[in-house]
Amino acid sequence: MIVIVCPKCGRKHKVSRDRIPELKTIIARCRACGNRFPVDLKKISSQIKSGNKIIVEPEKRQYNTRKICVSLSKGGVGKTTTSVNLSAGLAMAGYRVLLVDTDTQGQSAYMLGKRPQAGLTELLTGELGPGETIVPVRKNLWLLGGGKSLAGVKRIIDKKSFGAEWTLSESLKKVDKHYDFVIIDTSPGWDQLTVNVLFYAREILIPVALEAMPLHGLAQFMRSIGSIQKYRRDVALKYVLPTFMDPRVRTPQKIFLTLKKLYKDYICKPIRYNESLSESPSFGKTIFEFAPGSSGADDYRELVRRVTLNDRLLR
């Protein structure tokens, strides 16, 4: 019996020796997360022939980190809800995820039922290192929390005479290589910390509540992104996520059709209005933990599949 361990999610797979006709390098696929990885059986051929049970753990791969910011200058559109549940869904699928909260409200930690003693502020100022500011909150999911102290960091960044826009990038470049995804939750409005996020991230996910004002805010935000892209061309809009979709009301459906026409290449399946999404933060749980059978959980699973381009995940 051979036990092959997935290097991404750690899932163990038992494989009968009879199913492997030749002792050579094979490509294995994890049934849990879909990850494909090489396994060199030549190195352990003598052990296999002895008939003893052995465990094969391939070398862990280097992470090609995807950096996604969840942002829109308008508040109340579901940015933190999306950041937390997207991060949790990716972690459930076996990816290593770092959730970074750049909002002074620090709600990501609250939604996950955690109270970290330190976070992004201490990392940016250099008071503490990654080991003291990045905390595990779920399996495969780590949090770099925000909070009120970020207001002071914004003033520090504003006073920099050179390279202020790279402050966040400089602090995260030493740690992000350990993760598959870095998801950044941003605050409403437009300030120096938001600019820092856009100079760090490569992909932009914009949640848009299906109401008139957020739609207007989206147009303004796209102009702001355009100004960033003049100096950093490798950041781009990848996803427009409609939120608070209520099929019983006509206006959200009209706005959704407008979004589909304007952003047909980026539009995602809407997140339907669901009471469980509003209730779960009070219990410190993600939507997958609080109401796994709800429409909200289904919609965020679909978002995970869209982001990963893997339709088999979380089925």
C-alpha atoms as a PDB file:
ATOM      1  CA  MET A   1       0.000   0.000   0.000  1.00  0.00           C
ATOM      2  CA  ILE A   2       1.280   3.451  -0.972  1.00  0.00           C
ATOM      3  CA  VAL A   3      -0.023   6.611   0.724  1.00  0.00           C
ATOM      4  CA  ILE A   4       0.441   9.734  -1.415  1.00  0.00           C
ATOM      5  CA  VAL A   5       0.054  13.100   0.307  1.00  0.00           C
ATOM      6  CA  CYS A   6      -1.149  16.136  -1.675  1.00  0.00           C
ATOM      7  CA  PRO A   7       1.419  18.955  -1.255  1.00  0.00           C
ATOM      8  CA  LYS A   8      -1.301  21.608  -1.457  1.00  0.00           C
ATOM      9  CA  CYS A   9      -4.045  20.530   0.940  1.00  0.00           C
ATOM     10  CA  GLY A  10      -2.343  17.668   2.820  1.00  0.00           C
ATOM     11  CA  ARG A  11      -5.022  15.101   1.902  1.00  0.00           C
ATOM     12  CA  LYS A  12      -3.740  11.500   2.098  1.00  0.00           C
ATOM     13  CA  HIS A  13      -4.639   9.086  -0.711  1.00  0.00           C
ATOM     14  CA  LYS A  14      -4.198   5.323  -0.412  1.00  0.00           C
ATOM     15  CA  VAL A  15      -3.108   3.678  -3.648  1.00  0.00           C
ATOM     16  CA  SER A  16      -2.681  -0.046  -4.213  1.00  0.00           C
ATOM     17  CA  ARG A  17       0.687  -1.091  -5.610  1.00  0.00           C
ATOM     18  CA  ASP A  18      -1.189  -3.071  -8.293  1.00  0.00           C
ATOM     19  CA  ARG A  19      -2.593   0.156  -9.746  1.00  0.00           C
ATOM     20  CA  ILE A  20       0.897   1.423 -10.570  1.00  0.00           C
ATOM     21  CA  PRO A  21       2.335  -0.860 -13.287  1.00  0.00           C
ATOM     22  CA  GLU A  22       5.723   0.830 -13.576  1.00  0.00           C
ATOM     23  CA  LEU A  23       7.875   2.478 -10.943  1.00  0.00           C
ATOM     24  CA  LYS A  24       8.407   5.828 -12.609  1.00  0.00           C
ATOM     25  CA  THR A  25       7.386   9.451 -12.224  1.00  0.00           C
ATOM     26  CA  ILE A  26       3.611   9.748 -12.334  1.00  0.00           C
ATOM     27  CA  ILE A  27       1.206  12.680 -12.257  1.00  0.00           C
ATOM     28  CA  ALA A  28      -1.207  12.353  -9.361  1.00  0.00           C
ATOM     29  CA  ARG A  29      -4.446  14.306  -8.888  1.00  0.00           C
ATOM     30  CA  CYS A  30      -5.852  15.100  -5.469  1.00  0.00           C
ATOM     31  CA  ARG A  31      -9.517  14.099  -5.165  1.00  0.00           C
ATOM     32  CA  ALA A  32     -10.065  16.788  -2.531  1.00  0.00           C
ATOM     33  CA  CYS A  33      -8.697  19.953  -4.164  1.00  0.00           C
ATOM     34  CA  GLY A  34      -8.056  18.861  -7.778  1.00  0.00           C
ATOM     35  CA  ASN A  35      -4.347  19.695  -7.549  1.00  0.00           C
ATOM     36  CA  ARG A  36      -2.086  17.812  -9.989  1.00  0.00           C
ATOM     37  CA  PHE A  37       1.478  17.099  -8.912  1.00  0.00           C
ATOM     38  CA  PRO A  38       4.383  14.829  -9.904  1.00  0.00           C
ATOM     39  CA  VAL A  39       5.342  11.836  -7.769  1.00  0.00           C
ATOM     40  CA  ASP A  40       8.727  10.198  -8.392  1.00  0.00           C
ATOM     41  CA  LEU A  41       8.322   6.519  -7.482  1.00  0.00           C
ATOM     42  CA  LYS A  42      11.796   5.584  -8.728  1.00  0.00           C
ATOM     43  CA  LYS A  43      13.360   7.020  -5.578  1.00  0.00           C
ATOM     44  CA  ILE A  44      11.423   4.613  -3.373  1.00  0.00           C
ATOM     45  CA  SER A  45      11.350   1.581  -5.690  1.00  0.00           C
ATOM     46  CA  SER A  46      13.204  -0.679  -3.231  1.00  0.00           C
ATOM     47  CA  GLN A  47      10.759   0.149  -0.435  1.00  0.00           C
ATOM     48  CA  ILE A  48       7.767  -0.476  -2.688  1.00  0.00           C
ATOM     49  CA  LYS A  49       9.092  -3.863  -3.797  1.00  0.00           C
ATOM     50  CA  SER A  50       9.534  -4.897  -0.176  1.00  0.00           C
ATOM     51  CA  GLY A  51       5.777  -4.726   0.248  1.00  0.00           C
ATOM     52  CA  ASN A  52       5.870  -2.420   3.261  1.00  0.00           C
ATOM     53  CA  LYS A  53       3.419   0.426   3.626  1.00  0.00           C
ATOM     54  CA  ILE A  54       5.112   3.723   2.773  1.00  0.00           C
ATOM     55  CA  ILE A  55       4.096   7.368   2.709  1.00  0.00           C
ATOM     56  CA  VAL A  56       5.087   9.537  -0.248  1.00  0.00           C
ATOM     57  CA  GLU A  57       5.206  13.289   0.425  1.00  0.00           C
ATOM     58  CA  PRO A  58       6.212  15.252  -2.709  1.00  0.00           C
ATOM     59  CA  GLU A  59       8.257  18.400  -2.242  1.00  0.00           C
ATOM     60  CA  LYS A  60       6.086  21.391  -1.541  1.00  0.00           C
ATOM     61  CA  ARG A  61       5.780  23.674  -4.501  1.00  0.00           C
ATOM     62  CA  GLN A  62       6.621  27.356  -4.757  1.00  0.00           C
ATOM     63  CA  TYR A  63       3.467  29.417  -4.605  1.00  0.00           C
ATOM     64  CA  ASN A  64       2.547  31.622  -7.542  1.00  0.00           C
ATOM     65  CA  THR A  65       0.605  34.021  -5.356  1.00  0.00           C
ATOM     66  CA  ARG A  66      -2.514  35.664  -6.730  1.00  0.00           C
ATOM     67  CA  LYS A  67      -3.208  39.055  -5.161  1.00  0.00           C
ATOM     68  CA  ILE A  68      -6.859  40.094  -5.281  1.00  0.00           C
ATOM     69  CA  CYS A  69      -8.258  43.267  -3.752  1.00  0.00           C
ATOM     70  CA  VAL A  70     -11.963  43.563  -2.990  1.00  0.00           C
ATOM     71  CA  SER A  71     -12.678  47.220  -3.424  1.00  0.00           C
ATOM     72  CA  LEU A  72     -15.186  49.961  -4.217  1.00  0.00           C
ATOM     73  CA  SER A  73     -15.251  53.493  -2.837  1.00  0.00           C
ATOM     74  CA  LYS A  74     -18.954  53.122  -1.950  1.00  0.00           C
ATOM     75  CA  GLY A  75     -19.725  51.502   1.403  1.00  0.00           C
ATOM     76  CA  GLY A  76     -22.410  48.931   2.177  1.00  0.00           C
ATOM     77  CA  VAL A  77     -21.927  46.808  -0.945  1.00  0.00           C
ATOM     78  CA  GLY A  78     -20.628  43.641   0.741  1.00  0.00           C
ATOM     79  CA  LYS A  79     -16.858  44.097   0.490  1.00  0.00           C
ATOM     80  CA  THR A  80     -16.004  42.549   3.865  1.00  0.00           C
ATOM     81  CA  THR A  81     -18.631  39.819   3.514  1.00  0.00           C
ATOM     82  CA  THR A  82     -17.163  38.924   0.136  1.00  0.00           C
ATOM     83  CA  SER A  83     -13.544  39.131   1.320  1.00  0.00           C
ATOM     84  CA  VAL A  84     -14.177  36.834   4.298  1.00  0.00           C
ATOM     85  CA  ASN A  85     -16.334  34.262   2.541  1.00  0.00           C
ATOM     86  CA  LEU A  86     -14.234  34.152  -0.626  1.00  0.00           C
ATOM     87  CA  SER A  87     -11.135  33.630   1.537  1.00  0.00           C
ATOM     88  CA  ALA A  88     -12.872  30.936   3.585  1.00  0.00           C
ATOM     89  CA  GLY A  89     -14.116  29.177   0.457  1.00  0.00           C
ATOM     90  CA  LEU A  90     -10.666  29.147  -1.126  1.00  0.00           C
ATOM     91  CA  ALA A  91      -9.212  27.789   2.127  1.00  0.00           C
ATOM     92  CA  MET A  92     -11.853  25.039   2.215  1.00  0.00           C
ATOM     93  CA  ALA A  93     -10.852  24.123  -1.337  1.00  0.00           C
ATOM     94  CA  GLY A  94      -7.296  23.485  -0.141  1.00  0.00           C
ATOM     95  CA  TYR A  95      -5.597  26.766  -1.032  1.00  0.00           C
ATOM     96  CA  ARG A  96      -3.392  28.639   1.432  1.00  0.00           C
ATOM     97  CA  VAL A  97      -4.990  32.070   1.871  1.00  0.00           C
ATOM     98  CA  LEU A  98      -3.933  35.282   3.595  1.00  0.00           C
ATOM     99  CA  LEU A  99      -6.771  37.734   4.279  1.00  0.00           C
ATOM    100  CA  VAL A 100      -5.541  41.300   4.748  1.00  0.00           C
ATOM    101  CA  ASP A 101      -7.923  43.832   6.319  1.00  0.00           C
ATOM    102  CA  THR A 102      -7.037  47.442   5.454  1.00  0.00           C
ATOM    103  CA  ASP A 103     -10.224  48.899   6.943  1.00  0.00           C
ATOM    104  CA  THR A 104     -10.122  50.917  10.177  1.00  0.00           C
ATOM    105  CA  GLN A 105     -13.312  49.124  11.289  1.00  0.00           C
ATOM    106  CA  GLY A 106     -11.467  45.806  11.472  1.00  0.00           C
ATOM    107  CA  GLN A 107     -14.600  43.809  10.758  1.00  0.00           C
ATOM    108  CA  SER A 108     -12.881  40.826   9.122  1.00  0.00           C
ATOM    109  CA  ALA A 109     -11.628  39.604  12.505  1.00  0.00           C
ATOM    110  CA  TYR A 110     -15.082  40.097  14.034  1.00  0.00           C
ATOM    111  CA  MET A 111     -16.730  38.095  11.242  1.00  0.00           C
ATOM    112  CA  LEU A 112     -14.286  35.259  11.859  1.00  0.00           C
ATOM    113  CA  GLY A 113     -14.814  35.331  15.628  1.00  0.00           C
ATOM    114  CA  LYS A 114     -11.255  36.439  16.413  1.00  0.00           C
ATOM    115  CA  ARG A 115      -9.637  39.272  18.391  1.00  0.00           C
ATOM    116  CA  PRO A 116      -6.019  39.503  17.240  1.00  0.00           C
ATOM    117  CA  GLN A 117      -3.698  41.471  19.507  1.00  0.00           C
ATOM    118  CA  ALA A 118      -1.763  42.937  16.573  1.00  0.00           C
ATOM    119  CA  GLY A 119      -2.174  43.277  12.833  1.00  0.00           C
ATOM    120  CA  LEU A 120      -1.465  45.328   9.758  1.00  0.00           C
ATOM    121  CA  THR A 121      -0.600  48.504  11.667  1.00  0.00           C
ATOM    122  CA  GLU A 122       2.245  46.859  13.562  1.00  0.00           C
ATOM    123  CA  LEU A 123       3.551  45.192  10.404  1.00  0.00           C
ATOM    124  CA  LEU A 124       3.542  48.436   8.402  1.00  0.00           C
ATOM    125  CA  THR A 125       5.272  50.416  11.144  1.00  0.00           C
ATOM    126  CA  GLY A 126       7.812  47.663  11.775  1.00  0.00           C
ATOM    127  CA  GLU A 127       6.904  47.321  15.450  1.00  0.00           C
ATOM    128  CA  LEU A 128       6.243  43.593  15.025  1.00  0.00           C
ATOM    129  CA  GLY A 129       7.079  40.984  12.423  1.00  0.00           C
ATOM    130  CA  PRO A 130       4.835  38.668  10.370  1.00  0.00           C
ATOM    131  CA  GLY A 131       4.985  35.901  12.973  1.00  0.00           C
ATOM    132  CA  GLU A 132       3.378  38.191  15.547  1.00  0.00           C
ATOM    133  CA  THR A 133       0.857  39.949  13.289  1.00  0.00           C
ATOM    134  CA  ILE A 134      -0.431  37.186  10.981  1.00  0.00           C
ATOM    135  CA  VAL A 135      -2.708  34.790  12.864  1.00  0.00           C
ATOM    136  CA  PRO A 136      -4.292  31.486  11.786  1.00  0.00           C
ATOM    137  CA  VAL A 137      -8.090  31.717  11.873  1.00  0.00           C
ATOM    138  CA  ARG A 138      -9.165  28.555  10.035  1.00  0.00           C
ATOM    139  CA  LYS A 139      -7.453  25.635   8.345  1.00  0.00           C
ATOM    140  CA  ASN A 140      -5.456  27.083   5.400  1.00  0.00           C
ATOM    141  CA  LEU A 141      -6.623  30.617   6.280  1.00  0.00           C
ATOM    142  CA  TRP A 142      -4.578  33.356   7.970  1.00  0.00           C
ATOM    143  CA  LEU A 143      -5.578  36.907   8.917  1.00  0.00           C
ATOM    144  CA  LEU A 144      -3.639  40.174   8.976  1.00  0.00           C
ATOM    145  CA  GLY A 145      -6.188  42.284  10.820  1.00  0.00           C
ATOM    146  CA  GLY A 146      -7.136  45.941  10.490  1.00  0.00           C
ATOM    147  CA  GLY A 147      -8.559  48.328  13.075  1.00  0.00           C
ATOM    148  CA  LYS A 148      -8.697  51.917  14.299  1.00  0.00           C
ATOM    149  CA  SER A 149      -4.912  52.187  14.563  1.00  0.00           C
ATOM    150  CA  LEU A 150      -4.694  52.179  10.750  1.00  0.00           C
ATOM    151  CA  ALA A 151      -5.845  55.814  10.822  1.00  0.00           C
ATOM    152  CA  GLY A 152      -2.434  56.743  12.209  1.00  0.00           C
ATOM    153  CA  VAL A 153      -0.690  54.660   9.542  1.00  0.00           C
ATOM    154  CA  LYS A 154      -2.506  56.581   6.839  1.00  0.00           C
ATOM    155  CA  ARG A 155      -1.073  59.830   8.220  1.00  0.00           C
ATOM    156  CA  ILE A 156       2.414  58.309   8.266  1.00  0.00           C
ATOM    157  CA  ILE A 157       2.067  57.253   4.630  1.00  0.00           C
ATOM    158  CA  ASP A 158       0.788  60.709   3.662  1.00  0.00           C
ATOM    159  CA  LYS A 159       3.921  62.302   5.123  1.00  0.00           C
ATOM    160  CA  LYS A 160       6.296  60.178   3.051  1.00  0.00           C
ATOM    161  CA  SER A 161       8.060  62.260   0.433  1.00  0.00           C
ATOM    162  CA  PHE A 162       8.971  59.331  -1.829  1.00  0.00           C
ATOM    163  CA  GLY A 163       7.547  55.868  -2.546  1.00  0.00           C
ATOM    164  CA  ALA A 164       4.514  56.230  -0.285  1.00  0.00           C
ATOM    165  CA  GLU A 165       2.384  54.143  -2.634  1.00  0.00           C
ATOM    166  CA  TRP A 166       4.678  51.101  -2.180  1.00  0.00           C
ATOM    167  CA  THR A 167       4.512  50.944   1.638  1.00  0.00           C
ATOM    168  CA  LEU A 168       2.106  47.995   1.741  1.00  0.00           C
ATOM    169  CA  SER A 169       3.960  46.127  -1.026  1.00  0.00           C
ATOM    170  CA  GLU A 170       7.262  46.409   0.819  1.00  0.00           C
ATOM    171  CA  SER A 171       5.735  44.989   3.992  1.00  0.00           C
ATOM    172  CA  LEU A 172       3.988  42.051   2.300  1.00  0.00           C
ATOM    173  CA  LYS A 173       6.619  40.981  -0.242  1.00  0.00           C
ATOM    174  CA  LYS A 174       8.465  38.878   2.354  1.00  0.00           C
ATOM    175  CA  VAL A 175       5.374  36.920   3.419  1.00  0.00           C
ATOM    176  CA  ASP A 176       3.018  36.643   0.432  1.00  0.00           C
ATOM    177  CA  LYS A 177       5.174  33.973  -1.248  1.00  0.00           C
ATOM    178  CA  HIS A 178       3.879  31.468   1.325  1.00  0.00           C
ATOM    179  CA  TYR A 179       0.279  31.701   0.076  1.00  0.00           C
ATOM    180  CA  ASP A 180      -1.739  30.778  -3.010  1.00  0.00           C
ATOM    181  CA  PHE A 181      -4.000  33.809  -2.565  1.00  0.00           C
ATOM    182  CA  VAL A 182      -3.750  37.136  -0.797  1.00  0.00           C
ATOM    183  CA  ILE A 183      -7.229  38.679  -0.494  1.00  0.00           C
ATOM    184  CA  ILE A 184      -7.296  42.350   0.556  1.00  0.00           C
ATOM    185  CA  ASP A 185     -10.405  43.920   2.048  1.00  0.00           C
ATOM    186  CA  THR A 186     -10.469  47.693   1.580  1.00  0.00           C
ATOM    187  CA  SER A 187     -12.295  50.526   3.298  1.00  0.00           C
ATOM    188  CA  PRO A 188     -14.932  52.759   1.694  1.00  0.00           C
ATOM    189  CA  GLY A 189     -13.655  55.971   0.168  1.00  0.00           C
ATOM    190  CA  TRP A 190     -10.376  56.745  -1.548  1.00  0.00           C
ATOM    191  CA  ASP A 191      -7.239  57.363   0.487  1.00  0.00           C
ATOM    192  CA  GLN A 192      -3.509  56.632   0.492  1.00  0.00           C
ATOM    193  CA  LEU A 193      -3.998  53.126   1.901  1.00  0.00           C
ATOM    194  CA  THR A 194      -6.416  52.250  -0.912  1.00  0.00           C
ATOM    195  CA  VAL A 195      -3.816  53.509  -3.389  1.00  0.00           C
ATOM    196  CA  ASN A 196      -1.271  51.261  -1.662  1.00  0.00           C
ATOM    197  CA  VAL A 197      -3.580  48.270  -2.106  1.00  0.00           C
ATOM    198  CA  LEU A 198      -3.943  48.976  -5.827  1.00  0.00           C
ATOM    199  CA  PHE A 199      -0.169  49.265  -6.186  1.00  0.00           C
ATOM    200  CA  TYR A 200       0.153  45.835  -4.546  1.00  0.00           C
ATOM    201  CA  ALA A 201      -2.734  43.806  -5.992  1.00  0.00           C
ATOM    202  CA  ARG A 202      -2.855  42.434  -9.516  1.00  0.00           C
ATOM    203  CA  GLU A 203      -6.556  41.618  -9.700  1.00  0.00           C
ATOM    204  CA  ILE A 204      -9.537  43.738  -8.689  1.00  0.00           C
ATOM    205  CA  LEU A 205     -12.864  42.307  -7.580  1.00  0.00           C
ATOM    206  CA  ILE A 206     -15.615  44.916  -7.281  1.00  0.00           C
ATOM    207  CA  PRO A 207     -18.784  44.058  -5.341  1.00  0.00           C
ATOM    208  CA  VAL A 208     -21.693  46.175  -6.532  1.00  0.00           C
ATOM    209  CA  ALA A 209     -24.975  46.292  -4.642  1.00  0.00           C
ATOM    210  CA  LEU A 210     -27.809  46.247  -7.159  1.00  0.00           C
ATOM    211  CA  GLU A 211     -28.929  49.795  -6.382  1.00  0.00           C
ATOM    212  CA  ALA A 212     -28.566  53.108  -8.201  1.00  0.00           C
ATOM    213  CA  MET A 213     -25.954  54.739  -5.931  1.00  0.00           C
ATOM    214  CA  PRO A 214     -23.410  51.879  -5.945  1.00  0.00           C
ATOM    215  CA  LEU A 215     -23.704  51.803  -9.741  1.00  0.00           C
ATOM    216  CA  HIS A 216     -22.774  55.483  -9.811  1.00  0.00           C
ATOM    217  CA  GLY A 217     -19.927  54.755  -7.389  1.00  0.00           C
ATOM    218  CA  LEU A 218     -18.647  52.039  -9.737  1.00  0.00           C
ATOM    219  CA  ALA A 219     -18.295  54.546 -12.587  1.00  0.00           C
ATOM    220  CA  GLN A 220     -16.288  56.882 -10.347  1.00  0.00           C
ATOM    221  CA  PHE A 221     -14.129  54.034  -9.053  1.00  0.00           C
ATOM    222  CA  MET A 222     -13.305  52.871 -12.578  1.00  0.00           C
ATOM    223  CA  ARG A 223     -11.986  56.362 -13.352  1.00  0.00           C
ATOM    224  CA  SER A 224      -9.805  56.185 -10.245  1.00  0.00           C
ATOM    225  CA  ILE A 225      -8.451  52.795 -11.316  1.00  0.00           C
ATOM    226  CA  GLY A 226      -7.607  54.310 -14.678  1.00  0.00           C
ATOM    227  CA  SER A 227      -5.438  56.902 -12.961  1.00  0.00           C
ATOM    228  CA  ILE A 228      -3.577  54.120 -11.083  1.00  0.00           C
ATOM    229  CA  GLN A 229      -3.032  52.128 -14.283  1.00  0.00           C
ATOM    230  CA  LYS A 230      -1.082  55.000 -15.795  1.00  0.00           C
ATOM    231  CA  TYR A 231       1.669  54.179 -13.300  1.00  0.00           C
ATOM    232  CA  ARG A 232       1.027  50.462 -12.731  1.00  0.00           C
ATOM    233  CA  ARG A 233      -0.262  48.575 -15.740  1.00  0.00           C
ATOM    234  CA  ASP A 234      -0.253  45.105 -14.197  1.00  0.00           C
ATOM    235  CA  VAL A 235      -3.295  45.773 -12.013  1.00  0.00           C
ATOM    236  CA  ALA A 236      -6.571  45.083 -13.765  1.00  0.00           C
ATOM    237  CA  LEU A 237     -10.280  44.634 -13.188  1.00  0.00           C
ATOM    238  CA  LYS A 238     -11.094  40.913 -13.229  1.00  0.00           C
ATOM    239  CA  TYR A 239     -14.451  40.504 -11.509  1.00  0.00           C
ATOM    240  CA  VAL A 240     -17.626  42.542 -11.044  1.00  0.00           C
ATOM    241  CA  LEU A 241     -19.755  40.842  -8.396  1.00  0.00           C
ATOM    242  CA  PRO A 242     -23.407  41.909  -8.097  1.00  0.00           C
ATOM    243  CA  THR A 243     -24.635  41.663  -4.499  1.00  0.00           C
ATOM    244  CA  PHE A 244     -28.015  41.849  -2.733  1.00  0.00           C
ATOM    245  CA  MET A 245     -29.820  40.335  -5.704  1.00  0.00           C
ATOM    246  CA  ASP A 246     -33.506  39.973  -4.844  1.00  0.00           C
ATOM    247  CA  PRO A 247     -35.472  38.270  -7.650  1.00  0.00           C
ATOM    248  CA  ARG A 248     -38.739  39.494  -6.114  1.00  0.00           C
ATOM    249  CA  VAL A 249     -37.863  43.115  -6.831  1.00  0.00           C
ATOM    250  CA  ARG A 250     -37.699  44.510 -10.358  1.00  0.00           C
ATOM    251  CA  THR A 251     -35.036  47.240  -9.862  1.00  0.00           C
ATOM    252  CA  PRO A 252     -32.118  44.924  -8.959  1.00  0.00           C
ATOM    253  CA  GLN A 253     -32.802  42.817 -12.035  1.00  0.00           C
ATOM    254  CA  LYS A 254     -32.720  45.906 -14.259  1.00  0.00           C
ATOM    255  CA  ILE A 255     -29.456  47.084 -12.743  1.00  0.00           C
ATOM    256  CA  PHE A 256     -27.989  43.584 -13.157  1.00  0.00           C
ATOM    257  CA  LEU A 257     -28.835  43.616 -16.871  1.00  0.00           C
ATOM    258  CA  THR A 258     -27.144  47.024 -17.156  1.00  0.00           C
ATOM    259  CA  LEU A 259     -24.020  45.651 -15.465  1.00  0.00           C
ATOM    260  CA  LYS A 260     -23.977  42.660 -17.817  1.00  0.00           C
ATOM    261  CA  LYS A 261     -23.996  44.992 -20.822  1.00  0.00           C
ATOM    262  CA  LEU A 262     -21.276  47.266 -19.445  1.00  0.00           C
ATOM    263  CA  TYR A 263     -18.993  44.592 -17.960  1.00  0.00           C
ATOM    264  CA  LYS A 264     -19.917  41.394 -19.798  1.00  0.00           C
ATOM    265  CA  ASP A 265     -16.357  40.013 -19.609  1.00  0.00           C
ATOM    266  CA  TYR A 266     -16.112  40.505 -15.850  1.00  0.00           C
ATOM    267  CA  ILE A 267     -19.590  39.901 -14.495  1.00  0.00           C
ATOM    268  CA  CYS A 268     -19.998  37.100 -11.940  1.00  0.00           C
ATOM    269  CA  LYS A 269     -23.053  35.216 -10.837  1.00  0.00           C
ATOM    270  CA  PRO A 270     -24.910  37.503  -8.369  1.00  0.00           C
ATOM    271  CA  ILE A 271     -24.867  36.987  -4.627  1.00  0.00           C
ATOM    272  CA  ARG A 272     -28.534  36.680  -3.759  1.00  0.00           C
ATOM    273  CA  TYR A 273     -30.030  38.478  -0.789  1.00  0.00           C
ATOM    274  CA  ASN A 274     -29.912  36.041   2.112  1.00  0.00           C
ATOM    275  CA  GLU A 275     -30.586  36.644   5.803  1.00  0.00           C
ATOM    276  CA  SER A 276     -27.904  34.146   6.803  1.00  0.00           C
ATOM    277  CA  LEU A 277     -25.218  36.401   5.306  1.00  0.00           C
ATOM    278  CA  SER A 278     -26.328  39.144   7.697  1.00  0.00           C
ATOM    279  CA  GLU A 279     -26.640  36.848  10.705  1.00  0.00           C
ATOM    280  CA  SER A 280     -23.441  34.799  10.448  1.00  0.00           C
ATOM    281  CA  PRO A 281     -21.012  37.590  11.558  1.00  0.00           C
ATOM    282  CA  SER A 282     -22.773  37.814  14.935  1.00  0.00           C
ATOM    283  CA  PHE A 283     -21.755  34.217  15.567  1.00  0.00           C
ATOM    284  CA  GLY A 284     -18.207  34.658  14.302  1.00  0.00           C
ATOM    285  CA  LYS A 285     -18.835  32.181  11.501  1.00  0.00           C
ATOM    286  CA  THR A 286     -18.457  32.170   7.739  1.00  0.00           C
ATOM    287  CA  ILE A 287     -21.528  31.477   5.637  1.00  0.00           C
ATOM    288  CA  PHE A 288     -20.212  27.942   5.005  1.00  0.00           C
ATOM    289  CA  GLU A 289     -20.132  27.256   8.745  1.00  0.00           C
ATOM    290  CA  PHE A 290     -23.334  29.078   9.708  1.00  0.00           C
ATOM    291  CA  ALA A 291     -25.666  28.028   6.883  1.00  0.00           C
ATOM    292  CA  PRO A 292     -23.903  25.667   4.468  1.00  0.00           C
ATOM    293  CA  GLY A 293     -27.135  24.855   2.657  1.00  0.00           C
ATOM    294  CA  SER A 294     -28.215  28.475   2.121  1.00  0.00           C
ATOM    295  CA  SER A 295     -28.303  30.342  -1.170  1.00  0.00           C
ATOM    296  CA  GLY A 296     -25.567  32.638   0.176  1.00  0.00           C
ATOM    297  CA  ALA A 297     -23.226  29.661   0.674  1.00  0.00           C
ATOM    298  CA  ASP A 298     -24.078  28.351  -2.799  1.00  0.00           C
ATOM    299  CA  ASP A 299     -23.341  31.731  -4.387  1.00  0.00           C
ATOM    300  CA  TYR A 300     -19.957  32.113  -2.675  1.00  0.00           C
ATOM    301  CA  ARG A 301     -19.037  28.548  -3.670  1.00  0.00           C
ATOM    302  CA  GLU A 302     -19.768  29.577  -7.234  1.00  0.00           C
ATOM    303  CA  LEU A 303     -17.523  32.629  -6.807  1.00  0.00           C
ATOM    304  CA  VAL A 304     -14.692  30.348  -5.607  1.00  0.00           C
ATOM    305  CA  ARG A 305     -15.125  28.225  -8.730  1.00  0.00           C
ATOM    306  CA  ARG A 306     -15.101  31.335 -10.921  1.00  0.00           C
ATOM    307  CA  VAL A 307     -11.929  32.729  -9.339  1.00  0.00           C
ATOM    308  CA  THR A 308     -10.070  29.403  -9.477  1.00  0.00           C
ATOM    309  CA  LEU A 309     -11.462  28.390 -12.886  1.00  0.00           C
ATOM    310  CA  ASN A 310     -12.195  24.991 -11.373  1.00  0.00           C
ATOM    311  CA  ASP A 311     -15.812  23.822 -11.653  1.00  0.00           C
ATOM    312  CA  ARG A 312     -15.153  20.727  -9.520  1.00  0.00           C
ATOM    313  CA  LEU A 313     -14.404  22.598  -6.295  1.00  0.00           C
ATOM    314  CA  LEU A 314     -16.746  22.531  -3.284  1.00  0.00           C
ATOM    315  CA  ARG A 315     -19.365  20.390  -4.982  1.00  0.00           C
END
